[in-house]
C-alpha atoms as a PDB file:
ATOM      1  CA  MET A   1     -77.003  -8.650 -48.432  1.00  0.00           C
ATOM      2  CA  THR A   2     -73.239  -9.239 -49.655  1.00  0.00           C
ATOM      3  CA  ARG A   3     -70.523  -7.372 -48.228  1.00  0.00           C
ATOM      4  CA  PRO A   4     -67.973  -5.911 -50.913  1.00  0.00           C
ATOM      5  CA  PRO A   5     -64.418  -6.951 -50.274  1.00  0.00           C
ATOM      6  CA  SER A   6     -62.207  -4.915 -48.567  1.00  0.00           C
ATOM      7  CA  ALA A   7     -59.462  -3.185 -49.719  1.00  0.00           C
ATOM      8  CA  PRO A   8     -55.819  -4.891 -49.449  1.00  0.00           C
ATOM      9  CA  GLU A   9     -53.844  -3.251 -46.726  1.00  0.00           C
ATOM     10  CA  PRO A  10     -50.940  -1.156 -48.329  1.00  0.00           C
ATOM     11  CA  ARG A  11     -47.787  -2.776 -48.109  1.00  0.00           C
ATOM     12  CA  ILE A  12     -45.680   0.379 -47.207  1.00  0.00           C
ATOM     13  CA  ALA A  13     -42.979   0.860 -44.598  1.00  0.00           C
ATOM     14  CA  THR A  14     -40.354   3.789 -43.470  1.00  0.00           C
ATOM     15  CA  VAL A  15     -38.086   3.254 -40.646  1.00  0.00           C
ATOM     16  CA  THR A  16     -35.450   5.736 -39.544  1.00  0.00           C
ATOM     17  CA  ARG A  17     -32.142   4.375 -37.620  1.00  0.00           C
ATOM     18  CA  THR A  18     -30.318   7.135 -36.039  1.00  0.00           C
ATOM     19  CA  THR A  19     -27.008   6.385 -34.182  1.00  0.00           C
ATOM     20  CA  LYS A  20     -23.584   8.203 -33.072  1.00  0.00           C
ATOM     21  CA  GLU A  21     -22.586   6.526 -36.666  1.00  0.00           C
ATOM     22  CA  THR A  22     -25.123   6.781 -38.956  1.00  0.00           C
ATOM     23  CA  ASP A  23     -28.519   8.486 -39.712  1.00  0.00           C
ATOM     24  CA  ILE A  24     -30.840   6.365 -42.049  1.00  0.00           C
ATOM     25  CA  THR A  25     -33.991   6.130 -43.409  1.00  0.00           C
ATOM     26  CA  VAL A  26     -35.669   3.578 -45.586  1.00  0.00           C
ATOM     27  CA  SER A  27     -39.280   3.699 -47.217  1.00  0.00           C
ATOM     28  CA  ILE A  28     -40.712   0.473 -49.138  1.00  0.00           C
ATOM     29  CA  ASN A  29     -43.864   0.226 -51.074  1.00  0.00           C
ATOM     30  CA  LEU A  30     -43.934  -3.208 -52.536  1.00  0.00           C
ATOM     31  CA  ASP A  31     -46.719  -2.434 -54.772  1.00  0.00           C
ATOM     32  CA  SER A  32     -45.054   0.258 -56.921  1.00  0.00           C
ATOM     33  CA  ALA A  33     -42.094   0.703 -58.693  1.00  0.00           C
ATOM     34  CA  ALA A  34     -41.626   4.266 -57.783  1.00  0.00           C
ATOM     35  CA  TYR A  35     -38.354   5.176 -55.747  1.00  0.00           C
ATOM     36  CA  ALA A  36     -36.149   7.965 -55.467  1.00  0.00           C
ATOM     37  CA  VAL A  37     -32.770   8.258 -56.144  1.00  0.00           C
ATOM     38  CA  PRO A  38     -30.749   6.519 -53.274  1.00  0.00           C
ATOM     39  CA  ALA A  39     -28.341   9.205 -51.537  1.00  0.00           C
ATOM     40  CA  THR A  40     -25.761   7.784 -49.137  1.00  0.00           C
ATOM     41  CA  GLY A  41     -22.887   9.960 -50.001  1.00  0.00           C
ATOM     42  CA  HIS A  42     -20.936   6.803 -51.306  1.00  0.00           C
ATOM     43  CA  GLY A  43     -21.231   6.527 -54.894  1.00  0.00           C
ATOM     44  CA  PHE A  44     -20.843   2.973 -55.335  1.00  0.00           C
ATOM     45  CA  PHE A  45     -23.167   2.008 -52.659  1.00  0.00           C
ATOM     46  CA  ASP A  46     -25.566   4.461 -54.154  1.00  0.00           C
ATOM     47  CA  HIS A  47     -25.328   2.623 -57.407  1.00  0.00           C
ATOM     48  CA  MET A  48     -26.162  -0.777 -55.840  1.00  0.00           C
ATOM     49  CA  LEU A  49     -28.914   0.699 -54.259  1.00  0.00           C
ATOM     50  CA  ASP A  50     -30.326   1.995 -57.424  1.00  0.00           C
ATOM     51  CA  ALA A  51     -29.886  -1.457 -58.944  1.00  0.00           C
ATOM     52  CA  LEU A  52     -31.644  -2.761 -56.051  1.00  0.00           C
ATOM     53  CA  ALA A  53     -34.556  -0.827 -56.450  1.00  0.00           C
ATOM     54  CA  ARG A  54     -34.607  -1.103 -60.194  1.00  0.00           C
ATOM     55  CA  HIS A  55     -34.016  -4.934 -60.729  1.00  0.00           C
ATOM     56  CA  SER A  56     -36.551  -5.662 -57.845  1.00  0.00           C
ATOM     57  CA  ARG A  57     -39.263  -2.970 -59.137  1.00  0.00           C
ATOM     58  CA  LEU A  58     -40.202  -2.224 -55.714  1.00  0.00           C
ATOM     59  CA  GLY A  59     -40.318   1.284 -54.416  1.00  0.00           C
ATOM     60  CA  ILE A  60     -36.976   0.904 -52.180  1.00  0.00           C
ATOM     61  CA  SER A  61     -35.929   4.442 -51.474  1.00  0.00           C
ATOM     62  CA  VAL A  62     -32.796   5.157 -49.117  1.00  0.00           C
ATOM     63  CA  ALA A  63     -31.470   8.383 -47.794  1.00  0.00           C
ATOM     64  CA  ALA A  64     -28.713   8.130 -45.346  1.00  0.00           C
ATOM     65  CA  THR A  65     -25.441   9.540 -44.010  1.00  0.00           C
ATOM     66  CA  GLY A  66     -22.651   7.841 -42.156  1.00  0.00           C
ATOM     67  CA  ASP A  67     -18.668   8.246 -41.114  1.00  0.00           C
ATOM     68  CA  LEU A  68     -17.514   7.384 -44.309  1.00  0.00           C
ATOM     69  CA  HIS A  69     -14.304   9.338 -43.167  1.00  0.00           C
ATOM     70  CA  ILE A  70     -13.670   6.402 -41.305  1.00  0.00           C
ATOM     71  CA  GLU A  71     -14.817   3.852 -44.167  1.00  0.00           C
ATOM     72  CA  PRO A  72     -17.926   2.810 -45.236  1.00  0.00           C
ATOM     73  CA  HIS A  73     -18.577  -0.727 -43.022  1.00  0.00           C
ATOM     74  CA  HIS A  74     -21.122   1.215 -40.414  1.00  0.00           C
ATOM     75  CA  LEU A  75     -23.033   2.990 -43.271  1.00  0.00           C
ATOM     76  CA  ILE A  76     -23.573  -0.321 -45.686  1.00  0.00           C
ATOM     77  CA  GLU A  77     -24.311  -2.544 -42.088  1.00  0.00           C
ATOM     78  CA  ASP A  78     -27.059   0.092 -40.871  1.00  0.00           C
ATOM     79  CA  THR A  79     -28.496   0.463 -44.272  1.00  0.00           C
ATOM     80  CA  GLY A  80     -29.213  -3.652 -44.441  1.00  0.00           C
ATOM     81  CA  ILE A  81     -30.611  -3.305 -40.970  1.00  0.00           C
ATOM     82  CA  THR A  82     -32.716  -0.600 -42.084  1.00  0.00           C
ATOM     83  CA  LEU A  83     -34.005  -1.996 -45.049  1.00  0.00           C
ATOM     84  CA  GLY A  84     -34.514  -5.599 -43.372  1.00  0.00           C
ATOM     85  CA  GLN A  85     -36.784  -3.514 -40.844  1.00  0.00           C
ATOM     86  CA  ALA A  86     -38.551  -1.667 -43.356  1.00  0.00           C
ATOM     87  CA  LEU A  87     -39.414  -4.901 -45.632  1.00  0.00           C
ATOM     88  CA  SER A  88     -40.440  -6.657 -42.578  1.00  0.00           C
ATOM     89  CA  GLN A  89     -43.008  -3.976 -41.832  1.00  0.00           C
ATOM     90  CA  ALA A  90     -44.251  -3.845 -45.024  1.00  0.00           C
ATOM     91  CA  LEU A  91     -44.887  -7.459 -45.194  1.00  0.00           C
ATOM     92  CA  GLY A  92     -47.052  -7.353 -42.440  1.00  0.00           C
ATOM     93  CA  SER A  93     -48.123 -10.724 -41.511  1.00  0.00           C
ATOM     94  CA  ARG A  94     -46.830 -11.832 -44.869  1.00  0.00           C
ATOM     95  CA  GLN A  95     -50.448 -13.401 -45.642  1.00  0.00           C
ATOM     96  CA  GLY A  96     -50.491 -14.644 -49.802  1.00  0.00           C
ATOM     97  CA  ILE A  97     -47.010 -13.601 -50.393  1.00  0.00           C
ATOM     98  CA  GLU A  98     -44.617 -16.351 -52.610  1.00  0.00           C
ATOM     99  CA  ARG A  99     -42.560 -16.523 -50.063  1.00  0.00           C
ATOM    100  CA  TYR A 100     -39.657 -17.897 -51.925  1.00  0.00           C
ATOM    101  CA  GLY A 101     -37.248 -16.781 -54.537  1.00  0.00           C
ATOM    102  CA  SER A 102     -34.261 -17.296 -56.638  1.00  0.00           C
ATOM    103  CA  ALA A 103     -32.244 -15.839 -59.575  1.00  0.00           C
ATOM    104  CA  PHE A 104     -29.244 -16.231 -61.390  1.00  0.00           C
ATOM    105  CA  VAL A 105     -27.304 -13.099 -62.820  1.00  0.00           C
ATOM    106  CA  PRO A 106     -24.451 -13.070 -64.925  1.00  0.00           C
ATOM    107  CA  MET A 107     -22.016  -9.848 -65.218  1.00  0.00           C
ATOM    108  CA  ASP A 108     -19.365 -10.418 -67.997  1.00  0.00           C
ATOM    109  CA  GLU A 109     -17.115 -13.018 -66.284  1.00  0.00           C
ATOM    110  CA  THR A 110     -19.154 -13.105 -63.383  1.00  0.00           C
ATOM    111  CA  LEU A 111     -22.393 -15.338 -62.397  1.00  0.00           C
ATOM    112  CA  ALA A 112     -23.969 -15.064 -59.001  1.00  0.00           C
ATOM    113  CA  GLN A 113     -26.819 -17.056 -57.642  1.00  0.00           C
ATOM    114  CA  VAL A 114     -29.013 -15.645 -54.906  1.00  0.00           C
ATOM    115  CA  VAL A 115     -32.103 -17.436 -53.345  1.00  0.00           C
ATOM    116  CA  ILE A 116     -34.369 -16.118 -50.436  1.00  0.00           C
ATOM    117  CA  ASP A 117     -37.112 -17.529 -47.963  1.00  0.00           C
ATOM    118  CA  LEU A 118     -38.945 -14.874 -46.352  1.00  0.00           C
ATOM    119  CA  SER A 119     -39.540 -17.195 -43.415  1.00  0.00           C
ATOM    120  CA  GLY A 120     -39.463 -15.086 -40.453  1.00  0.00           C
ATOM    121  CA  ARG A 121     -35.908 -16.845 -39.741  1.00  0.00           C
ATOM    122  CA  ALA A 122     -32.775 -15.280 -40.186  1.00  0.00           C
ATOM    123  CA  HIS A 123     -30.056 -16.939 -41.815  1.00  0.00           C
ATOM    124  CA  LEU A 124     -27.119 -15.660 -44.424  1.00  0.00           C
ATOM    125  CA  ALA A 125     -25.362 -18.527 -46.234  1.00  0.00           C
ATOM    126  CA  PHE A 126     -22.473 -16.155 -48.203  1.00  0.00           C
ATOM    127  CA  GLU A 127     -20.170 -18.270 -50.243  1.00  0.00           C
ATOM    128  CA  PRO A 128     -18.093 -14.943 -51.640  1.00  0.00           C
ATOM    129  CA  GLU A 129     -15.875 -14.846 -48.270  1.00  0.00           C
ATOM    130  CA  THR A 130     -14.724 -18.349 -48.847  1.00  0.00           C
ATOM    131  CA  LEU A 131     -13.308 -17.587 -52.407  1.00  0.00           C
ATOM    132  CA  ASP A 132     -10.394 -15.495 -53.842  1.00  0.00           C
ATOM    133  CA  ILE A 133     -12.006 -12.380 -54.595  1.00  0.00           C
ATOM    134  CA  TYR A 134      -9.676  -9.179 -55.316  1.00  0.00           C
ATOM    135  CA  GLY A 135     -10.256  -5.303 -55.431  1.00  0.00           C
ATOM    136  CA  ASP A 136     -12.935  -2.983 -53.979  1.00  0.00           C
ATOM    137  CA  ALA A 137     -15.441  -0.630 -55.735  1.00  0.00           C
ATOM    138  CA  GLY A 138     -15.124   2.899 -54.238  1.00  0.00           C
ATOM    139  CA  GLY A 139     -13.703   1.387 -51.088  1.00  0.00           C
ATOM    140  CA  MET A 140     -16.845  -1.262 -51.015  1.00  0.00           C
ATOM    141  CA  THR A 141     -15.604  -4.888 -50.670  1.00  0.00           C
ATOM    142  CA  HIS A 142     -17.657  -8.335 -51.007  1.00  0.00           C
ATOM    143  CA  TYR A 143     -16.846  -8.094 -46.874  1.00  0.00           C
ATOM    144  CA  HIS A 144     -19.218  -5.172 -46.688  1.00  0.00           C
ATOM    145  CA  LEU A 145     -21.379  -6.839 -49.087  1.00  0.00           C
ATOM    146  CA  ARG A 146     -21.690  -9.650 -46.497  1.00  0.00           C
ATOM    147  CA  GLU A 147     -22.327  -7.246 -43.852  1.00  0.00           C
ATOM    148  CA  LEU A 148     -25.093  -5.337 -45.728  1.00  0.00           C
ATOM    149  CA  LEU A 149     -27.033  -9.047 -46.379  1.00  0.00           C
ATOM    150  CA  ARG A 150     -26.550 -10.196 -42.744  1.00  0.00           C
ATOM    151  CA  GLY A 151     -28.048  -7.247 -41.397  1.00  0.00           C
ATOM    152  CA  PHE A 152     -30.607  -7.318 -43.961  1.00  0.00           C
ATOM    153  CA  CYS A 153     -31.343 -11.154 -43.094  1.00  0.00           C
ATOM    154  CA  ASN A 154     -31.300 -10.139 -39.153  1.00  0.00           C
ATOM    155  CA  HIS A 155     -33.977  -7.674 -39.304  1.00  0.00           C
ATOM    156  CA  ALA A 156     -36.045  -9.072 -42.424  1.00  0.00           C
ATOM    157  CA  GLY A 157     -36.546 -12.196 -40.700  1.00  0.00           C
ATOM    158  CA  ALA A 158     -34.901 -13.869 -44.415  1.00  0.00           C
ATOM    159  CA  THR A 159     -32.843 -16.816 -44.927  1.00  0.00           C
ATOM    160  CA  VAL A 160     -30.678 -15.932 -48.146  1.00  0.00           C
ATOM    161  CA  HIS A 161     -28.098 -18.221 -49.826  1.00  0.00           C
ATOM    162  CA  VAL A 162     -25.391 -16.447 -51.827  1.00  0.00           C
ATOM    163  CA  ARG A 163     -23.356 -18.638 -54.498  1.00  0.00           C
ATOM    164  CA  LEU A 164     -20.596 -17.391 -56.638  1.00  0.00           C
ATOM    165  CA  LEU A 165     -20.463 -19.989 -59.877  1.00  0.00           C
ATOM    166  CA  ALA A 166     -17.865 -17.523 -61.354  1.00  0.00           C
ATOM    167  CA  GLY A 167     -16.089 -14.470 -60.926  1.00  0.00           C
ATOM    168  CA  ARG A 168     -13.240 -13.052 -58.754  1.00  0.00           C
ATOM    169  CA  GLU A 169     -13.517  -9.197 -59.401  1.00  0.00           C
ATOM    170  CA  ALA A 170     -15.240  -7.195 -56.760  1.00  0.00           C
ATOM    171  CA  HIS A 171     -17.264  -4.851 -58.604  1.00  0.00           C
ATOM    172  CA  HIS A 172     -18.719  -7.459 -60.699  1.00  0.00           C
ATOM    173  CA  VAL A 173     -19.203  -9.929 -57.686  1.00  0.00           C
ATOM    174  CA  ILE A 174     -20.827  -7.531 -55.935  1.00  0.00           C
ATOM    175  CA  GLU A 175     -23.344  -6.046 -58.632  1.00  0.00           C
ATOM    176  CA  ALA A 176     -24.346  -9.388 -59.965  1.00  0.00           C
ATOM    177  CA  VAL A 177     -25.126 -10.244 -56.344  1.00  0.00           C
ATOM    178  CA  ILE A 178     -27.121  -7.184 -55.670  1.00  0.00           C
ATOM    179  CA  LYS A 179     -29.263  -7.979 -58.807  1.00  0.00           C
ATOM    180  CA  ALA A 180     -29.655 -11.588 -58.259  1.00  0.00           C
ATOM    181  CA  LEU A 181     -30.998 -10.591 -54.968  1.00  0.00           C
ATOM    182  CA  ALA A 182     -33.384  -7.950 -56.300  1.00  0.00           C
ATOM    183  CA  ARG A 183     -35.083 -10.297 -58.853  1.00  0.00           C
ATOM    184  CA  ALA A 184     -35.540 -12.916 -55.998  1.00  0.00           C
ATOM    185  CA  LEU A 185     -36.916 -10.608 -53.554  1.00  0.00           C
ATOM    186  CA  ARG A 186     -39.414  -9.353 -56.469  1.00  0.00           C
ATOM    187  CA  ASP A 187     -40.846 -12.990 -56.864  1.00  0.00           C
ATOM    188  CA  ALA A 188     -40.247 -13.685 -52.745  1.00  0.00           C
ATOM    189  CA  VAL A 189     -42.919 -10.518 -51.903  1.00  0.00           C
ATOM    190  CA  ALA A 190     -45.048 -11.402 -54.673  1.00  0.00           C
ATOM    191  CA  VAL A 191     -48.844 -12.066 -53.716  1.00  0.00           C
ATOM    192  CA  THR A 192     -49.931 -15.125 -55.274  1.00  0.00           C
ATOM    193  CA  SER A 193     -52.376 -16.431 -52.772  1.00  0.00           C
ATOM    194  CA  ASP A 194     -54.855 -15.733 -49.975  1.00  0.00           C
ATOM    195  CA  THR A 195     -53.276 -17.890 -47.830  1.00  0.00           C
ATOM    196  CA  LEU A 196     -50.208 -17.641 -45.542  1.00  0.00           C
ATOM    197  CA  PRO A 197     -47.334 -19.499 -47.134  1.00  0.00           C
ATOM    198  CA  SER A 198     -46.662 -21.857 -44.386  1.00  0.00           C
ATOM    199  CA  THR A 199     -47.923 -25.595 -42.543  1.00  0.00           C
ATOM    200  CA  LYS A 200     -47.218 -24.148 -39.186  1.00  0.00           C
ATOM    201  CA  GLY A 201     -49.593 -21.227 -39.832  1.00  0.00           C
ATOM    202  CA  LEU A 202     -47.462 -18.430 -39.211  1.00  0.00           C
ATOM    203  CA  LEU A 203     -44.431 -16.916 -40.573  1.00  0.00           C
END
């Protein structure tokens, strides 16, 4: 008698990170586009998290509080850490995923490229920190973006390269990078086979 195929494991996770500086909960569903409107207390950061969920078409929900009376650094960095942890848990063994993703995103005068490898190895190459970028967006700068991505990479086990091909104004740079990350992530987490995408047999 032939056994029916087993149902795929749900690719979902919820992670809470609480410190003296922040209290963050991130939920991820890699097979659903439904998400809650992000709420962190920082308007522009909420806007970026909304863009990440919307353009990745993944169920990414974030609820967080942090010591914004100091500055947004702790909130943004710790959200990156928690987001990475949740993604890694949701991916499980990473069996069958596409693994790689890349995207170019324009925003007016700005053009950003993000390339991602869900290799299990953490590395961030962040070109914007070497460039002359001015201003901030509600107190969020491209350096805060770097810390968000650093925390994400370290805890998701992801290699991410960020290139800025055009642009100098922080708001457009940050937004274009986030949207490019979203689109690259959407491709990388897609299940496209039933094998592990590695010659090592392990990610």
